[in-house]
Protein backbone atom coordinates (compact mmCIF):
# COMPACT_ATOMS: atom_id res chain seq x y z
CA MET A 1 9.51 -13.51 -20.69
CA THR A 2 7.61 -15.36 -17.98
CA ASN A 3 5.12 -13.85 -15.58
CA VAL A 4 6.20 -13.16 -12.04
CA THR A 5 4.10 -15.18 -9.62
CA LYS A 6 3.23 -14.57 -6.00
CA PHE A 7 5.63 -17.33 -5.07
CA ASP A 8 8.45 -15.49 -6.87
CA ILE A 9 7.66 -12.29 -4.98
CA ALA A 10 7.55 -14.16 -1.67
CA LEU A 11 10.84 -15.91 -2.48
CA ILE A 12 12.54 -12.62 -3.31
CA GLY A 13 11.15 -11.11 -0.12
CA VAL A 14 12.46 -13.94 2.07
CA LYS A 15 15.87 -13.81 0.41
CA LEU A 16 16.00 -10.01 0.84
CA LEU A 17 15.13 -10.49 4.51
CA ALA A 18 17.97 -13.01 4.82
CA VAL A 19 20.41 -10.59 3.19
CA TYR A 20 19.23 -7.75 5.44
CA MET A 21 19.62 -9.92 8.55
CA ALA A 22 23.13 -10.91 7.42
CA ILE A 23 24.03 -7.25 7.00
CA VAL A 24 22.73 -6.51 10.50
CA VAL A 25 24.86 -9.37 11.87
CA ILE A 26 27.94 -8.02 10.08
CA GLU A 27 27.26 -4.50 11.38
CA THR A 28 26.94 -5.70 14.97
CA LEU A 29 29.91 -8.09 14.83
CA PRO A 30 32.33 -5.61 16.48
CA ASN A 31 29.88 -5.20 19.35
CA TRP A 32 29.65 -8.97 19.74
CA ILE A 33 33.43 -9.29 19.77
CA MET A 34 33.74 -6.62 22.48
CA THR A 35 30.94 -8.23 24.50
CA ALA A 36 32.53 -11.67 24.20
CA GLY A 37 35.88 -10.23 25.29
CA MET A 38 34.33 -8.71 28.40
CA VAL A 39 32.20 -11.74 29.25
CA MET A 40 34.72 -14.52 28.65
CA THR A 41 36.74 -13.72 31.76
CA PRO A 42 37.15 -16.31 34.51
CA ALA A 43 35.18 -14.11 36.93
CA ASN A 44 31.92 -14.46 34.98
CA SER A 45 29.63 -17.44 35.38
CA ILE A 46 29.32 -20.18 32.81
CA ILE A 47 25.62 -19.32 32.41
CA LEU A 48 26.50 -15.79 31.31
CA LYS A 49 29.09 -17.11 28.86
CA LEU A 50 26.66 -19.65 27.42
CA GLY A 51 23.94 -17.01 27.14
CA VAL A 52 26.16 -14.68 25.12
CA VAL A 53 27.30 -17.53 22.87
CA LEU A 54 23.69 -18.72 22.41
CA VAL A 55 22.39 -15.27 21.44
CA LEU A 56 25.31 -14.75 19.05
CA ALA A 57 24.79 -18.19 17.49
CA ILE A 58 21.07 -17.59 17.00
CA THR A 59 21.75 -14.17 15.51
CA ILE A 60 24.19 -15.70 13.01
CA ILE A 61 22.04 -18.76 12.24
CA ILE A 62 18.79 -16.88 11.46
CA PRO A 63 19.95 -15.37 8.13
CA ILE A 64 21.53 -18.67 7.09
CA PHE A 65 18.31 -20.59 7.76
CA LEU A 66 16.25 -17.92 6.03
CA TRP A 67 18.37 -18.26 2.91
CA ILE A 68 18.48 -22.07 2.94
CA LEU A 69 14.78 -22.49 3.72
CA SER A 70 13.59 -19.60 1.53
CA ASN A 71 11.72 -21.90 -0.88
CA LYS A 72 9.81 -23.60 1.93
CA ILE A 73 9.06 -20.31 3.66
CA ALA A 74 7.86 -18.76 0.39
CA TYR A 75 5.64 -21.80 -0.15
CA ILE A 76 4.15 -21.31 3.34
CA ILE A 77 3.57 -17.63 2.65
CA THR A 78 1.91 -18.29 -0.72
CA PRO A 79 -0.01 -21.54 -0.49
CA PRO A 80 -1.16 -22.88 -3.86
CA SER A 81 -4.80 -22.32 -4.74
CA THR A 82 -6.94 -23.61 -7.58
CA GLU A 83 -9.54 -20.84 -7.36
CA SER A 84 -10.02 -18.42 -10.23
CA ARG A 85 -8.38 -15.05 -9.69
CA ASN A 86 -9.66 -11.60 -10.34
CA SER A 87 -7.65 -8.41 -9.85
CA GLU A 88 -9.07 -7.65 -6.39
CA ARG A 89 -8.29 -11.17 -5.23
CA VAL A 90 -4.70 -10.91 -6.51
CA ASP A 91 -4.31 -7.56 -4.71
CA ASN A 92 -5.55 -9.16 -1.50
CA ASP A 93 -3.13 -12.05 -1.93
CA LEU A 94 -0.18 -9.72 -2.50
CA GLN A 95 -1.23 -7.69 0.53
CA ALA A 96 -1.41 -10.90 2.59
CA ILE A 97 2.10 -11.84 1.41
CA ILE A 98 3.38 -8.46 2.57
CA PHE A 99 1.64 -8.82 5.96
CA ARG A 100 3.19 -12.28 6.42
CA GLY A 101 6.61 -10.93 5.46
CA ILE A 102 6.33 -8.10 7.98
CA GLY A 103 5.19 -10.59 10.61
CA MET A 104 8.19 -12.81 9.91
CA TYR A 105 10.53 -9.83 10.14
CA VAL A 106 9.09 -8.69 13.47
CA LEU A 107 9.26 -12.24 14.86
CA ILE A 108 12.85 -12.74 13.72
CA MET A 109 13.87 -9.45 15.31
CA ALA A 110 11.98 -10.13 18.58
CA LEU A 111 13.22 -13.66 19.34
CA PRO A 112 16.86 -12.69 20.10
CA GLN A 113 15.55 -9.85 22.30
CA LEU A 114 13.42 -12.36 24.22
CA ILE A 115 16.41 -14.66 24.71
CA LEU A 116 18.49 -11.74 26.01
CA TRP A 117 15.74 -10.74 28.43
CA LEU A 118 15.34 -14.33 29.68
CA HIS A 119 19.10 -14.54 30.13
CA SER A 120 19.07 -11.33 32.18
CA TYR A 121 16.20 -12.73 34.24
CA THR A 122 18.00 -16.00 34.99
CA LYS A 123 21.17 -14.08 35.83
CA VAL A 124 19.27 -12.41 38.69
CA PHE A 125 19.24 -15.70 40.55
CA THR A 126 22.89 -16.58 39.93
CA ASP A 127 24.57 -13.24 40.72
CA SER A 128 24.59 -12.39 44.41
CA THR A 129 26.58 -9.13 44.24
CA LEU A 130 23.58 -6.77 43.88
CA SER A 131 20.20 -6.50 45.53
CA PHE A 132 17.31 -8.27 43.84
CA PHE A 133 15.64 -5.10 42.54
CA ASP A 134 18.90 -3.66 41.20
CA LYS A 135 19.47 -6.75 39.07
CA MET A 136 15.90 -7.37 37.90
CA PRO A 137 15.48 -6.69 34.16
CA ASP A 138 12.81 -4.17 33.24
CA ILE A 139 9.42 -5.90 32.93
CA SER A 140 8.24 -3.29 30.42
CA ILE A 141 10.86 -4.57 27.98
CA LEU A 142 9.44 -8.08 28.32
CA ILE A 143 5.93 -6.77 27.71
CA ALA A 144 7.11 -4.94 24.57
CA ILE A 145 8.89 -8.07 23.29
CA LEU A 146 5.84 -10.26 23.94
CA LEU A 147 3.60 -7.75 22.18
CA LYS A 148 5.93 -7.84 19.17
CA ILE A 149 5.78 -11.64 19.12
CA ILE A 150 1.97 -11.65 19.43
CA LEU A 151 1.67 -9.06 16.67
CA SER A 152 3.96 -11.04 14.39
CA VAL A 153 2.02 -14.28 14.97
CA ILE A 154 -1.24 -12.45 14.21
CA LEU A 155 0.26 -11.00 11.02
CA ILE A 156 1.62 -14.36 9.90
CA PHE A 157 -1.47 -16.47 10.56
CA SER A 158 -4.24 -13.90 9.94
CA ALA A 159 -2.76 -12.10 6.95
CA LYS A 160 -5.51 -13.22 4.60
CA HIS A 161 -8.27 -11.98 6.92
CA ILE A 162 -6.51 -8.67 7.58
CA SER A 163 -6.07 -8.18 3.84
CA MET A 164 -9.76 -8.87 3.17
CA PHE A 165 -10.71 -6.45 5.96
CA PHE A 166 -8.66 -3.65 4.40
CA SER A 167 -10.10 -4.46 0.97
CA LYS A 168 -13.66 -4.16 2.32
CA LEU A 169 -12.71 -0.96 4.11
CA ARG A 170 -11.30 0.52 0.87
CA SER A 171 -14.36 -0.48 -1.14
CA ALA A 172 -16.74 0.89 1.51
CA GLY A 173 -14.86 4.20 1.48
CA SER A 174 -15.04 4.52 -2.30
CA GLU A 175 -18.83 3.93 -2.46
CA LYS A 176 -21.08 6.94 -1.99
C-alpha cells in the first residue's frame, strides 16, 4: 500500500469540490429552466437574455473545468518542495491545503454572484420602465461579494503564512 501524499489529498479535494458544484447545478436546474422561460420572451432585452445565458453557462462550466483541471489545480495547491519534513511542517502544509481549498470554494461561489450583480447594474441603464433608485441593485450585496472575493484571494495566496501563524499561536498557547 502506498502512502497518501499532500498532492493526493489536494486532488481528492478538488474533485470533491467539482462533484459538489455539479450537484448544486443539478439542484438549481429547475430554477434555471423557469428563469429562462420567463426571460426568453420577445419583450425582454437581448442584454437580459445574454446575461441569463452567460450566468447559466458559467455555472455549468465551473464543475467541468474543476474536474478536467483537477491535476493542475492540485499541483498549484501543493507545490513540490525539496525541504526535509517534520510532523509540524506537514501539519502546516495540510492546513495550508485546506485554507487554499476553502478559498477556491468561496471564489467559485462568489464569481457567479458578481456576474449577476453586474448584470443587474447594467440593466439599470437599459430598462426605462422604473425610476433609477427602484432599479438600482443593492450596493451592500456588491460589498459582500467583493469581500468574499478578497477573502478567497487572501486564503489562496497566503495560506502558508496563515497556517504558520496558527501553528505559532497553538504553540504559544501550549507553553506555560
